[in-house]
Amino acid sequence: MARRDRDEEEGRRDFRGRSLLINILRVFHIVGLAGISAAVLAGAAGAEQWGGVMLVSGIGIIALDAWANPLYFRQAKGIGTLLKIALVVLMVVWDSGRQPLFWFVLAFSVALSHAPGRIRHRQLF
């Protein structure tokens, strides 16, 4: 079965400009990551603000992904992303645990986003 047919069967949706919008949100997400990295690793100020940039842009990305893929929150990538949001919020408010959480979230994020599709798209429930 062709990928296009499989995507249409799963109820995937799209709109013109969605990819561009997600990429713009990713830019802000990486800017937030750079800011929170400086706050956590170099003791710079603004962890709350940079965490907010990451949170808002991340929620935007999630909303677009979940809208486009109705199975998103049943799949490993959706559940993993919700876990990442919770951990980033914890990292912002828990000063003494900030650095270990930072490294865990960073490693978990890279592992999840670069995992093979059969893992990211696996339905957990």
C-alpha atoms as a PDB file:
ATOM      1  CA  MET A   1       0.000   0.000   0.000  1.00  0.00           C
ATOM      2  CA  ALA A   2       1.385   3.423  -0.920  1.00  0.00           C
ATOM      3  CA  ARG A   3       2.252   5.801   1.902  1.00  0.00           C
ATOM      4  CA  ARG A   4      -0.325   8.344   0.703  1.00  0.00           C
ATOM      5  CA  ASP A   5      -3.094   5.711   0.844  1.00  0.00           C
ATOM      6  CA  ARG A   6      -1.992   4.573   4.301  1.00  0.00           C
ATOM      7  CA  ASP A   7      -1.961   8.178   5.601  1.00  0.00           C
ATOM      8  CA  GLU A   8      -5.426   8.857   4.203  1.00  0.00           C
ATOM      9  CA  GLU A   9      -6.752   5.662   5.796  1.00  0.00           C
ATOM     10  CA  GLU A  10      -5.461   6.702   9.209  1.00  0.00           C
ATOM     11  CA  GLY A  11      -7.432   9.950   9.003  1.00  0.00           C
ATOM     12  CA  ARG A  12      -4.445  12.251   8.624  1.00  0.00           C
ATOM     13  CA  ARG A  13      -5.214  15.880   7.840  1.00  0.00           C
ATOM     14  CA  ASP A  14      -3.222  18.751   6.451  1.00  0.00           C
ATOM     15  CA  PHE A  15      -3.580  22.364   5.356  1.00  0.00           C
ATOM     16  CA  ARG A  16      -1.522  24.643   3.179  1.00  0.00           C
ATOM     17  CA  GLY A  17       1.235  26.217   5.242  1.00  0.00           C
ATOM     18  CA  ARG A  18       1.189  23.709   8.119  1.00  0.00           C
ATOM     19  CA  SER A  19       4.772  22.647   7.441  1.00  0.00           C
ATOM     20  CA  LEU A  20       5.971  26.260   7.380  1.00  0.00           C
ATOM     21  CA  LEU A  21       4.104  27.026  10.608  1.00  0.00           C
ATOM     22  CA  ILE A  22       5.629  24.002  12.356  1.00  0.00           C
ATOM     23  CA  ASN A  23       9.103  25.025  11.186  1.00  0.00           C
ATOM     24  CA  ILE A  24       8.618  28.557  12.539  1.00  0.00           C
ATOM     25  CA  LEU A  25       7.484  27.095  15.858  1.00  0.00           C
ATOM     26  CA  ARG A  26      10.556  24.817  15.847  1.00  0.00           C
ATOM     27  CA  VAL A  27      12.803  27.870  15.451  1.00  0.00           C
ATOM     28  CA  PHE A  28      11.257  29.406  18.572  1.00  0.00           C
ATOM     29  CA  HIS A  29      11.518  26.039  20.313  1.00  0.00           C
ATOM     30  CA  ILE A  30      15.270  25.853  19.617  1.00  0.00           C
ATOM     31  CA  VAL A  31      15.704  29.480  20.704  1.00  0.00           C
ATOM     32  CA  GLY A  32      14.000  28.534  23.979  1.00  0.00           C
ATOM     33  CA  LEU A  33      16.279  25.503  24.276  1.00  0.00           C
ATOM     34  CA  ALA A  34      19.357  27.695  23.794  1.00  0.00           C
ATOM     35  CA  GLY A  35      18.110  30.108  26.438  1.00  0.00           C
ATOM     36  CA  ILE A  36      17.247  27.461  28.978  1.00  0.00           C
ATOM     37  CA  SER A  37      20.583  25.755  28.264  1.00  0.00           C
ATOM     38  CA  ALA A  38      22.386  28.975  29.203  1.00  0.00           C
ATOM     39  CA  ALA A  39      20.272  29.288  32.340  1.00  0.00           C
ATOM     40  CA  VAL A  40      20.869  25.708  33.441  1.00  0.00           C
ATOM     41  CA  LEU A  41      24.482  25.200  32.406  1.00  0.00           C
ATOM     42  CA  ALA A  42      25.959  28.695  32.856  1.00  0.00           C
ATOM     43  CA  GLY A  43      23.723  30.021  35.605  1.00  0.00           C
ATOM     44  CA  ALA A  44      22.257  32.747  33.412  1.00  0.00           C
ATOM     45  CA  ALA A  45      18.964  34.318  34.363  1.00  0.00           C
ATOM     46  CA  GLY A  46      15.660  33.688  32.662  1.00  0.00           C
ATOM     47  CA  ALA A  47      14.988  29.960  33.002  1.00  0.00           C
ATOM     48  CA  GLU A  48      11.291  30.703  33.480  1.00  0.00           C
ATOM     49  CA  GLN A  49      11.093  32.913  30.391  1.00  0.00           C
ATOM     50  CA  TRP A  50      13.039  30.512  28.160  1.00  0.00           C
ATOM     51  CA  GLY A  51      11.021  27.610  29.528  1.00  0.00           C
ATOM     52  CA  GLY A  52       7.906  29.583  28.610  1.00  0.00           C
ATOM     53  CA  VAL A  53       9.152  30.044  25.029  1.00  0.00           C
ATOM     54  CA  MET A  54       9.798  26.308  24.820  1.00  0.00           C
ATOM     55  CA  LEU A  55       6.434  25.482  26.345  1.00  0.00           C
ATOM     56  CA  VAL A  56       4.350  27.761  24.119  1.00  0.00           C
ATOM     57  CA  SER A  57       6.143  26.776  20.916  1.00  0.00           C
ATOM     58  CA  GLY A  58       6.067  23.101  21.912  1.00  0.00           C
ATOM     59  CA  ILE A  59       2.345  23.203  22.608  1.00  0.00           C
ATOM     60  CA  GLY A  60       1.838  24.818  19.204  1.00  0.00           C
ATOM     61  CA  ILE A  61       3.799  22.038  17.518  1.00  0.00           C
ATOM     62  CA  ILE A  62       1.894  19.392  19.461  1.00  0.00           C
ATOM     63  CA  ALA A  63      -1.463  20.966  18.597  1.00  0.00           C
ATOM     64  CA  LEU A  64      -0.630  20.947  14.892  1.00  0.00           C
ATOM     65  CA  ASP A  65       0.739  17.386  15.010  1.00  0.00           C
ATOM     66  CA  ALA A  66      -2.256  16.106  16.966  1.00  0.00           C
ATOM     67  CA  TRP A  67      -4.689  17.823  14.607  1.00  0.00           C
ATOM     68  CA  ALA A  68      -2.934  16.332  11.576  1.00  0.00           C
ATOM     69  CA  ASN A  69      -2.706  12.862  13.148  1.00  0.00           C
ATOM     70  CA  PRO A  70      -5.728  11.844  15.251  1.00  0.00           C
ATOM     71  CA  LEU A  71      -3.719   8.896  16.643  1.00  0.00           C
ATOM     72  CA  TYR A  72      -0.978  11.189  17.995  1.00  0.00           C
ATOM     73  CA  PHE A  73      -1.787  10.811  21.702  1.00  0.00           C
ATOM     74  CA  ARG A  74      -2.030   7.029  21.381  1.00  0.00           C
ATOM     75  CA  GLN A  75       1.435   6.779  19.876  1.00  0.00           C
ATOM     76  CA  ALA A  76       4.815   6.739  21.591  1.00  0.00           C
ATOM     77  CA  LYS A  77       5.712  10.169  20.177  1.00  0.00           C
ATOM     78  CA  GLY A  78       2.583  11.789  21.615  1.00  0.00           C
ATOM     79  CA  ILE A  79       2.903  10.199  25.047  1.00  0.00           C
ATOM     80  CA  GLY A  80       6.636  10.961  25.079  1.00  0.00           C
ATOM     81  CA  THR A  81       5.973  14.580  24.192  1.00  0.00           C
ATOM     82  CA  LEU A  82       3.488  14.973  27.039  1.00  0.00           C
ATOM     83  CA  LEU A  83       6.118  13.535  29.375  1.00  0.00           C
ATOM     84  CA  LYS A  84       8.678  16.040  28.058  1.00  0.00           C
ATOM     85  CA  ILE A  85       6.314  18.937  28.737  1.00  0.00           C
ATOM     86  CA  ALA A  86       5.809  17.795  32.309  1.00  0.00           C
ATOM     87  CA  LEU A  87       9.568  17.418  32.803  1.00  0.00           C
ATOM     88  CA  VAL A  88      10.329  20.867  31.338  1.00  0.00           C
ATOM     89  CA  VAL A  89       7.773  22.435  33.683  1.00  0.00           C
ATOM     90  CA  LEU A  90       9.391  20.558  36.580  1.00  0.00           C
ATOM     91  CA  MET A  91      12.826  21.692  35.416  1.00  0.00           C
ATOM     92  CA  VAL A  92      11.737  25.333  35.408  1.00  0.00           C
ATOM     93  CA  VAL A  93      10.250  25.236  38.930  1.00  0.00           C
ATOM     94  CA  TRP A  94      12.683  22.807  40.645  1.00  0.00           C
ATOM     95  CA  ASP A  95      15.926  24.737  40.877  1.00  0.00           C
ATOM     96  CA  SER A  96      18.045  22.081  42.593  1.00  0.00           C
ATOM     97  CA  GLY A  97      16.990  19.350  40.146  1.00  0.00           C
ATOM     98  CA  ARG A  98      17.299  21.547  37.082  1.00  0.00           C
ATOM     99  CA  GLN A  99      20.608  20.303  35.734  1.00  0.00           C
ATOM    100  CA  PRO A 100      19.998  16.538  35.934  1.00  0.00           C
ATOM    101  CA  LEU A 101      16.505  17.030  34.497  1.00  0.00           C
ATOM    102  CA  PHE A 102      17.950  19.144  31.698  1.00  0.00           C
ATOM    103  CA  TRP A 103      20.307  16.357  30.616  1.00  0.00           C
ATOM    104  CA  PHE A 104      17.606  13.710  30.911  1.00  0.00           C
ATOM    105  CA  VAL A 105      15.073  15.718  28.875  1.00  0.00           C
ATOM    106  CA  LEU A 106      17.702  16.532  26.257  1.00  0.00           C
ATOM    107  CA  ALA A 107      18.730  12.871  25.867  1.00  0.00           C
ATOM    108  CA  PHE A 108      15.122  11.650  25.925  1.00  0.00           C
ATOM    109  CA  SER A 109      14.090  14.250  23.317  1.00  0.00           C
ATOM    110  CA  VAL A 110      16.886  13.328  20.942  1.00  0.00           C
ATOM    111  CA  ALA A 111      16.224   9.607  21.369  1.00  0.00           C
ATOM    112  CA  LEU A 112      12.498  10.017  20.760  1.00  0.00           C
ATOM    113  CA  SER A 113      12.732  12.370  17.802  1.00  0.00           C
ATOM    114  CA  HIS A 114      15.388  10.283  16.050  1.00  0.00           C
ATOM    115  CA  ALA A 115      13.928   6.872  16.830  1.00  0.00           C
ATOM    116  CA  PRO A 116      12.760   4.820  13.857  1.00  0.00           C
ATOM    117  CA  GLY A 117       9.185   5.441  12.744  1.00  0.00           C
ATOM    118  CA  ARG A 118       8.136   1.990  13.912  1.00  0.00           C
ATOM    119  CA  ILE A 119       8.958   3.100  17.461  1.00  0.00           C
ATOM    120  CA  ARG A 120       7.690   6.726  17.313  1.00  0.00           C
ATOM    121  CA  HIS A 121       4.420   5.701  15.643  1.00  0.00           C
ATOM    122  CA  ARG A 122       3.791   2.611  17.765  1.00  0.00           C
ATOM    123  CA  GLN A 123       0.392   2.769  19.382  1.00  0.00           C
ATOM    124  CA  LEU A 124       0.774   2.304  23.118  1.00  0.00           C
ATOM    125  CA  PHE A 125      -2.945   2.060  23.733  1.00  0.00           C
END
